[in-house]
Amino acid sequence: FMFAIILLLCLVLVCVSITCTYVLLNAEDYRWQWQSFLCCGATSIYVFLYTVHYFFNSTQMSGFLQTVYYFGTSINFCIGLGLFAGALGFAGSSKFVFLIY
């Protein structure tokens, strides 16, 4: 089940990145490289904001070390997710641009 979810995430990220790149190229803005990375990498910002919301509304953690460990683990996961999603978006957009030009 988790493998199917990861495949679905990859497919959605590539499609979103291609759509963002297509809109940029249609507006004659040829600086698509960083935009393709950031439009997919922003997923990690949403995930981190959700972890903050979850921490304050659903957990009973109160100690300093628990808080540091929770947020340290969350930020590391979100950085990895952002790099993975951004690289996947850039790869998909790069393939798309090389196919249409």
PDB file of N, CA and C in Angstrom:
ATOM      1  N   PHE A   1       0.821  -1.194   0.000  1.00  0.00           N
ATOM      2  CA  PHE A   1       0.000   0.000   0.000  1.00  0.00           C
ATOM      3  C   PHE A   1       0.866   1.259   0.000  1.00  0.00           C
ATOM      4  N   MET A   2       1.935   1.273   0.795  1.00  0.00           N
ATOM      5  CA  MET A   2       2.812   2.446   0.862  1.00  0.00           C
ATOM      6  C   MET A   2       3.523   2.680  -0.470  1.00  0.00           C
ATOM      7  N   PHE A   3       3.901   1.605  -1.143  1.00  0.00           N
ATOM      8  CA  PHE A   3       4.546   1.738  -2.448  1.00  0.00           C
ATOM      9  C   PHE A   3       3.605   2.390  -3.452  1.00  0.00           C
ATOM     10  N   ALA A   4       2.336   2.022  -3.411  1.00  0.00           N
ATOM     11  CA  ALA A   4       1.352   2.623  -4.310  1.00  0.00           C
ATOM     12  C   ALA A   4       1.178   4.109  -4.006  1.00  0.00           C
ATOM     13  N   ILE A   5       1.209   4.481  -2.738  1.00  0.00           N
ATOM     14  CA  ILE A   5       1.073   5.885  -2.351  1.00  0.00           C
ATOM     15  C   ILE A   5       2.288   6.684  -2.825  1.00  0.00           C
ATOM     16  N   ILE A   6       3.473   6.111  -2.703  1.00  0.00           N
ATOM     17  CA  ILE A   6       4.679   6.809  -3.159  1.00  0.00           C
ATOM     18  C   ILE A   6       4.652   6.980  -4.681  1.00  0.00           C
ATOM     19  N   LEU A   7       4.212   5.949  -5.399  1.00  0.00           N
ATOM     20  CA  LEU A   7       4.085   6.074  -6.857  1.00  0.00           C
ATOM     21  C   LEU A   7       3.070   7.149  -7.239  1.00  0.00           C
ATOM     22  N   LEU A   8       1.972   7.206  -6.519  1.00  0.00           N
ATOM     23  CA  LEU A   8       0.960   8.226  -6.783  1.00  0.00           C
ATOM     24  C   LEU A   8       1.503   9.620  -6.488  1.00  0.00           C
ATOM     25  N   LEU A   9       2.255   9.765  -5.394  1.00  0.00           N
ATOM     26  CA  LEU A   9       2.886  11.042  -5.067  1.00  0.00           C
ATOM     27  C   LEU A   9       3.847  11.462  -6.170  1.00  0.00           C
ATOM     28  N   CYS A  10       4.661  10.540  -6.655  1.00  0.00           N
ATOM     29  CA  CYS A  10       5.608  10.844  -7.730  1.00  0.00           C
ATOM     30  C   CYS A  10       4.884  11.281  -8.993  1.00  0.00           C
ATOM     31  N   LEU A  11       3.823  10.596  -9.337  1.00  0.00           N
ATOM     32  CA  LEU A  11       3.055  10.945 -10.526  1.00  0.00           C
ATOM     33  C   LEU A  11       2.438  12.331 -10.397  1.00  0.00           C
ATOM     34  N   VAL A  12       1.861  12.632  -9.255  1.00  0.00           N
ATOM     35  CA  VAL A  12       1.248  13.944  -9.042  1.00  0.00           C
ATOM     36  C   VAL A  12       2.305  15.045  -9.065  1.00  0.00           C
ATOM     37  N   LEU A  13       3.455  14.816  -8.444  1.00  0.00           N
ATOM     38  CA  LEU A  13       4.513  15.825  -8.430  1.00  0.00           C
ATOM     39  C   LEU A  13       5.015  16.129  -9.837  1.00  0.00           C
ATOM     40  N   VAL A  14       5.209  15.103 -10.632  1.00  0.00           N
ATOM     41  CA  VAL A  14       5.680  15.320 -12.003  1.00  0.00           C
ATOM     42  C   VAL A  14       4.633  16.067 -12.819  1.00  0.00           C
ATOM     43  N   CYS A  15       3.379  15.697 -12.660  1.00  0.00           N
ATOM     44  CA  CYS A  15       2.314  16.375 -13.412  1.00  0.00           C
ATOM     45  C   CYS A  15       2.176  17.839 -13.001  1.00  0.00           C
ATOM     46  N   VAL A  16       2.261  18.128 -11.711  1.00  0.00           N
ATOM     47  CA  VAL A  16       2.183  19.515 -11.242  1.00  0.00           C
ATOM     48  C   VAL A  16       3.373  20.319 -11.758  1.00  0.00           C
ATOM     49  N   SER A  17       4.535  19.734 -11.719  1.00  0.00           N
ATOM     50  CA  SER A  17       5.727  20.428 -12.201  1.00  0.00           C
ATOM     51  C   SER A  17       5.647  20.710 -13.704  1.00  0.00           C
ATOM     52  N   ILE A  18       5.173  19.760 -14.465  1.00  0.00           N
ATOM     53  CA  ILE A  18       5.022  19.970 -15.909  1.00  0.00           C
ATOM     54  C   ILE A  18       4.002  21.051 -16.183  1.00  0.00           C
ATOM     55  N   THR A  19       2.913  21.070 -15.423  1.00  0.00           N
ATOM     56  CA  THR A  19       1.894  22.106 -15.608  1.00  0.00           C
ATOM     57  C   THR A  19       2.448  23.487 -15.281  1.00  0.00           C
ATOM     58  N   CYS A  20       3.176  23.612 -14.181  1.00  0.00           N
ATOM     59  CA  CYS A  20       3.777  24.906 -13.822  1.00  0.00           C
ATOM     60  C   CYS A  20       4.783  25.359 -14.876  1.00  0.00           C
ATOM     61  N   THR A  21       5.578  24.438 -15.361  1.00  0.00           N
ATOM     62  CA  THR A  21       6.552  24.780 -16.399  1.00  0.00           C
ATOM     63  C   THR A  21       5.864  25.194 -17.690  1.00  0.00           C
ATOM     64  N   TYR A  22       4.796  24.501 -18.045  1.00  0.00           N
ATOM     65  CA  TYR A  22       4.056  24.840 -19.259  1.00  0.00           C
ATOM     66  C   TYR A  22       3.455  26.242 -19.158  1.00  0.00           C
ATOM     67  N   VAL A  23       2.913  26.584 -17.990  1.00  0.00           N
ATOM     68  CA  VAL A  23       2.349  27.922 -17.805  1.00  0.00           C
ATOM     69  C   VAL A  23       3.446  28.974 -17.913  1.00  0.00           C
ATOM     70  N   LEU A  24       4.603  28.714 -17.312  1.00  0.00           N
ATOM     71  CA  LEU A  24       5.718  29.666 -17.400  1.00  0.00           C
ATOM     72  C   LEU A  24       6.197  29.834 -18.841  1.00  0.00           C
ATOM     73  N   LEU A  25       6.357  28.724 -19.553  1.00  0.00           N
ATOM     74  CA  LEU A  25       6.828  28.813 -20.936  1.00  0.00           C
ATOM     75  C   LEU A  25       5.783  29.460 -21.840  1.00  0.00           C
ATOM     76  N   ASN A  26       4.519  29.267 -21.540  1.00  0.00           N
ATOM     77  CA  ASN A  26       3.454  29.891 -22.315  1.00  0.00           C
ATOM     78  C   ASN A  26       3.458  31.409 -22.146  1.00  0.00           C
ATOM     79  N   ALA A  27       3.871  31.872 -20.959  1.00  0.00           N
ATOM     80  CA  ALA A  27       3.978  33.307 -20.696  1.00  0.00           C
ATOM     81  C   ALA A  27       5.335  33.856 -21.136  1.00  0.00           C
ATOM     82  N   GLU A  28       6.090  33.061 -21.860  1.00  0.00           N
ATOM     83  CA  GLU A  28       7.413  33.413 -22.384  1.00  0.00           C
ATOM     84  C   GLU A  28       8.417  33.747 -21.284  1.00  0.00           C
ATOM     85  N   ASP A  29       8.289  33.074 -20.178  1.00  0.00           N
ATOM     86  CA  ASP A  29       9.255  33.175 -19.095  1.00  0.00           C
ATOM     87  C   ASP A  29      10.092  31.903 -19.129  1.00  0.00           C
ATOM     88  N   TYR A  30      11.330  32.032 -19.537  1.00  0.00           N
ATOM     89  CA  TYR A  30      12.156  30.851 -19.757  1.00  0.00           C
ATOM     90  C   TYR A  30      13.020  30.490 -18.551  1.00  0.00           C
ATOM     91  N   ARG A  31      12.702  31.037 -17.385  1.00  0.00           N
ATOM     92  CA  ARG A  31      13.423  30.689 -16.160  1.00  0.00           C
ATOM     93  C   ARG A  31      12.631  29.632 -15.403  1.00  0.00           C
ATOM     94  N   TRP A  32      12.522  28.458 -15.971  1.00  0.00           N
ATOM     95  CA  TRP A  32      11.659  27.408 -15.431  1.00  0.00           C
ATOM     96  C   TRP A  32      12.373  26.486 -14.464  1.00  0.00           C
ATOM     97  N   GLN A  33      13.698  26.514 -14.413  1.00  0.00           N
ATOM     98  CA  GLN A  33      14.437  25.520 -13.644  1.00  0.00           C
ATOM     99  C   GLN A  33      14.129  25.586 -12.151  1.00  0.00           C
ATOM    100  N   TRP A  34      14.295  26.768 -11.553  1.00  0.00           N
ATOM    101  CA  TRP A  34      14.055  26.872 -10.113  1.00  0.00           C
ATOM    102  C   TRP A  34      12.573  26.784  -9.793  1.00  0.00           C
ATOM    103  N   GLN A  35      11.741  27.282 -10.690  1.00  0.00           N
ATOM    104  CA  GLN A  35      10.295  27.192 -10.442  1.00  0.00           C
ATOM    105  C   GLN A  35       9.829  25.743 -10.418  1.00  0.00           C
ATOM    106  N   SER A  36      10.381  24.923 -11.302  1.00  0.00           N
ATOM    107  CA  SER A  36       9.986  23.510 -11.309  1.00  0.00           C
ATOM    108  C   SER A  36      10.445  22.809 -10.029  1.00  0.00           C
ATOM    109  N   PHE A  37      11.585  23.226  -9.496  1.00  0.00           N
ATOM    110  CA  PHE A  37      12.060  22.651  -8.238  1.00  0.00           C
ATOM    111  C   PHE A  37      11.202  23.118  -7.066  1.00  0.00           C
ATOM    112  N   LEU A  38      10.919  24.426  -7.025  1.00  0.00           N
ATOM    113  CA  LEU A  38      10.226  24.987  -5.872  1.00  0.00           C
ATOM    114  C   LEU A  38       8.738  24.671  -5.830  1.00  0.00           C
ATOM    115  N   CYS A  39       8.099  24.531  -6.987  1.00  0.00           N
ATOM    116  CA  CYS A  39       6.653  24.258  -6.948  1.00  0.00           C
ATOM    117  C   CYS A  39       6.381  22.873  -6.380  1.00  0.00           C
ATOM    118  N   CYS A  40       7.298  21.957  -6.515  1.00  0.00           N
ATOM    119  CA  CYS A  40       7.124  20.633  -5.908  1.00  0.00           C
ATOM    120  C   CYS A  40       7.759  20.555  -4.527  1.00  0.00           C
ATOM    121  N   GLY A  41       8.847  21.271  -4.339  1.00  0.00           N
ATOM    122  CA  GLY A  41       9.519  21.259  -3.037  1.00  0.00           C
ATOM    123  C   GLY A  41       8.709  21.939  -1.950  1.00  0.00           C
ATOM    124  N   ALA A  42       7.745  22.770  -2.342  1.00  0.00           N
ATOM    125  CA  ALA A  42       6.897  23.447  -1.360  1.00  0.00           C
ATOM    126  C   ALA A  42       5.990  22.478  -0.618  1.00  0.00           C
ATOM    127  N   THR A  43       5.902  21.260  -1.091  1.00  0.00           N
ATOM    128  CA  THR A  43       5.138  20.234  -0.381  1.00  0.00           C
ATOM    129  C   THR A  43       5.685  20.038   1.028  1.00  0.00           C
ATOM    130  N   SER A  44       6.984  20.161   1.178  1.00  0.00           N
ATOM    131  CA  SER A  44       7.592  19.951   2.487  1.00  0.00           C
ATOM    132  C   SER A  44       7.211  21.063   3.464  1.00  0.00           C
ATOM    133  N   ILE A  45       6.952  22.267   2.978  1.00  0.00           N
ATOM    134  CA  ILE A  45       6.509  23.352   3.867  1.00  0.00           C
ATOM    135  C   ILE A  45       5.141  23.014   4.444  1.00  0.00           C
ATOM    136  N   TYR A  46       4.258  22.503   3.596  1.00  0.00           N
ATOM    137  CA  TYR A  46       2.936  22.086   4.071  1.00  0.00           C
ATOM    138  C   TYR A  46       3.051  20.976   5.117  1.00  0.00           C
ATOM    139  N   VAL A  47       3.911  20.018   4.862  1.00  0.00           N
ATOM    140  CA  VAL A  47       4.071  18.908   5.804  1.00  0.00           C
ATOM    141  C   VAL A  47       4.622  19.423   7.134  1.00  0.00           C
ATOM    142  N   PHE A  48       5.574  20.353   7.097  1.00  0.00           N
ATOM    143  CA  PHE A  48       6.115  20.882   8.343  1.00  0.00           C
ATOM    144  C   PHE A  48       5.070  21.685   9.106  1.00  0.00           C
ATOM    145  N   LEU A  49       4.285  22.488   8.401  1.00  0.00           N
ATOM    146  CA  LEU A  49       3.220  23.226   9.083  1.00  0.00           C
ATOM    147  C   LEU A  49       2.202  22.277   9.718  1.00  0.00           C
ATOM    148  N   TYR A  50       1.942  21.160   9.058  1.00  0.00           N
ATOM    149  CA  TYR A  50       1.040  20.179   9.654  1.00  0.00           C
ATOM    150  C   TYR A  50       1.654  19.531  10.888  1.00  0.00           C
ATOM    151  N   THR A  51       2.959  19.288  10.876  1.00  0.00           N
ATOM    152  CA  THR A  51       3.582  18.709  12.068  1.00  0.00           C
ATOM    153  C   THR A  51       3.520  19.684  13.245  1.00  0.00           C
ATOM    154  N   VAL A  52       3.641  20.985  12.976  1.00  0.00           N
ATOM    155  CA  VAL A  52       3.506  21.988  14.040  1.00  0.00           C
ATOM    156  C   VAL A  52       2.075  21.967  14.590  1.00  0.00           C
ATOM    157  N   HIS A  53       1.107  21.944  13.698  1.00  0.00           N
ATOM    158  CA  HIS A  53      -0.292  21.871  14.112  1.00  0.00           C
ATOM    159  C   HIS A  53      -0.560  20.601  14.921  1.00  0.00           C
ATOM    160  N   TYR A  54      -0.041  19.488  14.469  1.00  0.00           N
ATOM    161  CA  TYR A  54      -0.233  18.212  15.164  1.00  0.00           C
ATOM    162  C   TYR A  54       0.411  18.251  16.551  1.00  0.00           C
ATOM    163  N   PHE A  55       1.585  18.857  16.645  1.00  0.00           N
ATOM    164  CA  PHE A  55       2.281  18.920  17.928  1.00  0.00           C
ATOM    165  C   PHE A  55       1.457  19.677  18.964  1.00  0.00           C
ATOM    166  N   PHE A  56       0.915  20.823  18.576  1.00  0.00           N
ATOM    167  CA  PHE A  56       0.202  21.645  19.544  1.00  0.00           C
ATOM    168  C   PHE A  56      -1.223  21.184  19.811  1.00  0.00           C
ATOM    169  N   ASN A  57      -1.841  20.464  18.883  1.00  0.00           N
ATOM    170  CA  ASN A  57      -3.239  20.103  19.059  1.00  0.00           C
ATOM    171  C   ASN A  57      -3.479  18.634  19.386  1.00  0.00           C
ATOM    172  N   SER A  58      -2.543  17.757  19.096  1.00  0.00           N
ATOM    173  CA  SER A  58      -2.834  16.326  19.268  1.00  0.00           C
ATOM    174  C   SER A  58      -1.871  15.575  20.173  1.00  0.00           C
ATOM    175  N   THR A  59      -0.764  16.154  20.537  1.00  0.00           N
ATOM    176  CA  THR A  59       0.183  15.423  21.385  1.00  0.00           C
ATOM    177  C   THR A  59       0.130  15.953  22.810  1.00  0.00           C
ATOM    178  N   GLN A  60       0.655  15.184  23.708  1.00  0.00           N
ATOM    179  CA  GLN A  60       0.731  15.571  25.117  1.00  0.00           C
ATOM    180  C   GLN A  60       2.182  15.819  25.528  1.00  0.00           C
ATOM    181  N   MET A  61       3.044  16.130  24.584  1.00  0.00           N
ATOM    182  CA  MET A  61       4.456  16.333  24.895  1.00  0.00           C
ATOM    183  C   MET A  61       4.635  17.675  25.601  1.00  0.00           C
ATOM    184  N   SER A  62       5.497  17.657  26.630  1.00  0.00           N
ATOM    185  CA  SER A  62       5.698  18.894  27.374  1.00  0.00           C
ATOM    186  C   SER A  62       7.168  19.172  27.688  1.00  0.00           C
ATOM    187  N   GLY A  63       8.007  18.171  27.606  1.00  0.00           N
ATOM    188  CA  GLY A  63       9.404  18.342  27.967  1.00  0.00           C
ATOM    189  C   GLY A  63      10.220  19.000  26.865  1.00  0.00           C
ATOM    190  N   PHE A  64      11.327  19.593  27.266  1.00  0.00           N
ATOM    191  CA  PHE A  64      12.203  20.275  26.309  1.00  0.00           C
ATOM    192  C   PHE A  64      12.821  19.288  25.327  1.00  0.00           C
ATOM    193  N   LEU A  65      13.330  18.167  25.828  1.00  0.00           N
ATOM    194  CA  LEU A  65      13.972  17.190  24.952  1.00  0.00           C
ATOM    195  C   LEU A  65      12.971  16.529  24.004  1.00  0.00           C
ATOM    196  N   GLN A  66      11.759  16.295  24.474  1.00  0.00           N
ATOM    197  CA  GLN A  66      10.728  15.755  23.589  1.00  0.00           C
ATOM    198  C   GLN A  66      10.432  16.720  22.452  1.00  0.00           C
ATOM    199  N   THR A  67      10.332  17.998  22.766  1.00  0.00           N
ATOM    200  CA  THR A  67      10.053  19.019  21.751  1.00  0.00           C
ATOM    201  C   THR A  67      11.195  19.129  20.758  1.00  0.00           C
ATOM    202  N   VAL A  68      12.417  19.154  21.266  1.00  0.00           N
ATOM    203  CA  VAL A  68      13.576  19.253  20.377  1.00  0.00           C
ATOM    204  C   VAL A  68      13.670  18.028  19.478  1.00  0.00           C
ATOM    205  N   TYR A  69      13.448  16.844  20.044  1.00  0.00           N
ATOM    206  CA  TYR A  69      13.515  15.629  19.242  1.00  0.00           C
ATOM    207  C   TYR A  69      12.408  15.607  18.184  1.00  0.00           C
ATOM    208  N   TYR A  70      11.203  15.967  18.574  1.00  0.00           N
ATOM    209  CA  TYR A  70      10.073  15.961  17.643  1.00  0.00           C
ATOM    210  C   TYR A  70      10.313  16.921  16.483  1.00  0.00           C
ATOM    211  N   PHE A  71      10.669  18.154  16.790  1.00  0.00           N
ATOM    212  CA  PHE A  71      10.872  19.131  15.725  1.00  0.00           C
ATOM    213  C   PHE A  71      12.151  18.877  14.941  1.00  0.00           C
ATOM    214  N   GLY A  72      13.176  18.345  15.589  1.00  0.00           N
ATOM    215  CA  GLY A  72      14.399  17.983  14.862  1.00  0.00           C
ATOM    216  C   GLY A  72      14.149  16.879  13.855  1.00  0.00           C
ATOM    217  N   THR A  73      13.414  15.860  14.274  1.00  0.00           N
ATOM    218  CA  THR A  73      13.062  14.782  13.362  1.00  0.00           C
ATOM    219  C   THR A  73      12.150  15.274  12.249  1.00  0.00           C
ATOM    220  N   SER A  74      11.200  16.136  12.604  1.00  0.00           N
ATOM    221  CA  SER A  74      10.269  16.669  11.604  1.00  0.00           C
ATOM    222  C   SER A  74      10.985  17.524  10.566  1.00  0.00           C
ATOM    223  N   ILE A  75      11.897  18.373  11.003  1.00  0.00           N
ATOM    224  CA  ILE A  75      12.591  19.251  10.053  1.00  0.00           C
ATOM    225  C   ILE A  75      13.520  18.440   9.157  1.00  0.00           C
ATOM    226  N   ASN A  76      14.151  17.407   9.710  1.00  0.00           N
ATOM    227  CA  ASN A  76      14.995  16.550   8.871  1.00  0.00           C
ATOM    228  C   ASN A  76      14.179  15.813   7.824  1.00  0.00           C
ATOM    229  N   PHE A  77      13.029  15.286   8.226  1.00  0.00           N
ATOM    230  CA  PHE A  77      12.155  14.613   7.274  1.00  0.00           C
ATOM    231  C   PHE A  77      11.666  15.581   6.199  1.00  0.00           C
ATOM    232  N   CYS A  78      11.307  16.793   6.603  1.00  0.00           N
ATOM    233  CA  CYS A  78      10.785  17.765   5.641  1.00  0.00           C
ATOM    234  C   CYS A  78      11.867  18.245   4.670  1.00  0.00           C
ATOM    235  N   ILE A  79      13.084  18.371   5.129  1.00  0.00           N
ATOM    236  CA  ILE A  79      14.183  18.730   4.227  1.00  0.00           C
ATOM    237  C   ILE A  79      14.395  17.618   3.205  1.00  0.00           C
ATOM    238  N   GLY A  80      14.409  16.383   3.664  1.00  0.00           N
ATOM    239  CA  GLY A  80      14.547  15.252   2.738  1.00  0.00           C
ATOM    240  C   GLY A  80      13.393  15.175   1.759  1.00  0.00           C
ATOM    241  N   LEU A  81      12.176  15.372   2.251  1.00  0.00           N
ATOM    242  CA  LEU A  81      11.004  15.361   1.378  1.00  0.00           C
ATOM    243  C   LEU A  81      11.070  16.485   0.354  1.00  0.00           C
ATOM    244  N   GLY A  82      11.496  17.678   0.790  1.00  0.00           N
ATOM    245  CA  GLY A  82      11.611  18.809  -0.126  1.00  0.00           C
ATOM    246  C   GLY A  82      12.642  18.560  -1.216  1.00  0.00           C
ATOM    247  N   LEU A  83      13.767  17.988  -0.847  1.00  0.00           N
ATOM    248  CA  LEU A  83      14.795  17.687  -1.846  1.00  0.00           C
ATOM    249  C   LEU A  83      14.332  16.599  -2.809  1.00  0.00           C
ATOM    250  N   PHE A  84      13.660  15.573  -2.283  1.00  0.00           N
ATOM    251  CA  PHE A  84      13.143  14.504  -3.130  1.00  0.00           C
ATOM    252  C   PHE A  84      12.089  15.031  -4.096  1.00  0.00           C
ATOM    253  N   ALA A  85      11.120  15.776  -3.564  1.00  0.00           N
ATOM    254  CA  ALA A  85      10.038  16.289  -4.405  1.00  0.00           C
ATOM    255  C   ALA A  85      10.560  17.309  -5.412  1.00  0.00           C
ATOM    256  N   GLY A  86      11.464  18.179  -4.985  1.00  0.00           N
ATOM    257  CA  GLY A  86      12.023  19.165  -5.902  1.00  0.00           C
ATOM    258  C   GLY A  86      12.841  18.535  -7.015  1.00  0.00           C
ATOM    259  N   ALA A  87      13.640  17.540  -6.665  1.00  0.00           N
ATOM    260  CA  ALA A  87      14.437  16.856  -7.686  1.00  0.00           C
ATOM    261  C   ALA A  87      13.552  16.107  -8.663  1.00  0.00           C
ATOM    262  N   LEU A  88      12.502  15.496  -8.154  1.00  0.00           N
ATOM    263  CA  LEU A  88      11.573  14.783  -9.029  1.00  0.00           C
ATOM    264  C   LEU A  88      10.835  15.755  -9.954  1.00  0.00           C
ATOM    265  N   GLY A  89      10.417  16.897  -9.418  1.00  0.00           N
ATOM    266  CA  GLY A  89       9.759  17.901 -10.238  1.00  0.00           C
ATOM    267  C   GLY A  89      10.682  18.469 -11.299  1.00  0.00           C
ATOM    268  N   PHE A  90      11.922  18.735 -10.912  1.00  0.00           N
ATOM    269  CA  PHE A  90      12.883  19.248 -11.888  1.00  0.00           C
ATOM    270  C   PHE A  90      13.166  18.229 -12.981  1.00  0.00           C
ATOM    271  N   ALA A  91      13.310  16.967 -12.593  1.00  0.00           N
ATOM    272  CA  ALA A  91      13.576  15.921 -13.592  1.00  0.00           C
ATOM    273  C   ALA A  91      12.413  15.784 -14.569  1.00  0.00           C
ATOM    274  N   GLY A  92      11.192  15.818 -14.050  1.00  0.00           N
ATOM    275  CA  GLY A  92      10.026  15.721 -14.928  1.00  0.00           C
ATOM    276  C   GLY A  92       9.907  16.911 -15.857  1.00  0.00           C
ATOM    277  N   SER A  93      10.123  18.113 -15.325  1.00  0.00           N
ATOM    278  CA  SER A  93      10.054  19.312 -16.162  1.00  0.00           C
ATOM    279  C   SER A  93      11.179  19.355 -17.181  1.00  0.00           C
ATOM    280  N   SER A  94      12.340  18.919 -16.768  1.00  0.00           N
ATOM    281  CA  SER A  94      13.474  18.895 -17.696  1.00  0.00           C
ATOM    282  C   SER A  94      13.199  17.950 -18.868  1.00  0.00           C
ATOM    283  N   LYS A  95      12.681  16.790 -18.573  1.00  0.00           N
ATOM    284  CA  LYS A  95      12.325  15.843 -19.638  1.00  0.00           C
ATOM    285  C   LYS A  95      11.257  16.430 -20.551  1.00  0.00           C
ATOM    286  N   PHE A  96      10.259  17.114 -19.962  1.00  0.00           N
ATOM    287  CA  PHE A  96       9.193  17.739 -20.730  1.00  0.00           C
ATOM    288  C   PHE A  96       9.742  18.834 -21.652  1.00  0.00           C
ATOM    289  N   VAL A  97      10.608  19.681 -21.126  1.00  0.00           N
ATOM    290  CA  VAL A  97      11.166  20.783 -21.935  1.00  0.00           C
ATOM    291  C   VAL A  97      12.026  20.237 -23.051  1.00  0.00           C
ATOM    292  N   PHE A  98      12.804  19.211 -22.783  1.00  0.00           N
ATOM    293  CA  PHE A  98      13.647  18.641 -23.824  1.00  0.00           C
ATOM    294  C   PHE A  98      12.815  17.912 -24.882  1.00  0.00           C
ATOM    295  N   LEU A  99      11.641  17.427 -24.511  1.00  0.00           N
ATOM    296  CA  LEU A  99      10.763  16.781 -25.492  1.00  0.00           C
ATOM    297  C   LEU A  99      10.050  17.790 -26.390  1.00  0.00           C
ATOM    298  N   ILE A 100       9.674  18.940 -25.833  1.00  0.00           N
ATOM    299  CA  ILE A 100       8.927  19.891 -26.670  1.00  0.00           C
ATOM    300  C   ILE A 100       9.844  20.824 -27.452  1.00  0.00           C
ATOM    301  N   TYR A 101      11.124  20.929 -27.085  1.00  0.00           N
ATOM    302  CA  TYR A 101      12.024  21.790 -27.848  1.00  0.00           C
ATOM    303  C   TYR A 101      13.009  20.957 -28.581  1.00  0.00           C
TER     304      TYR A 101
END
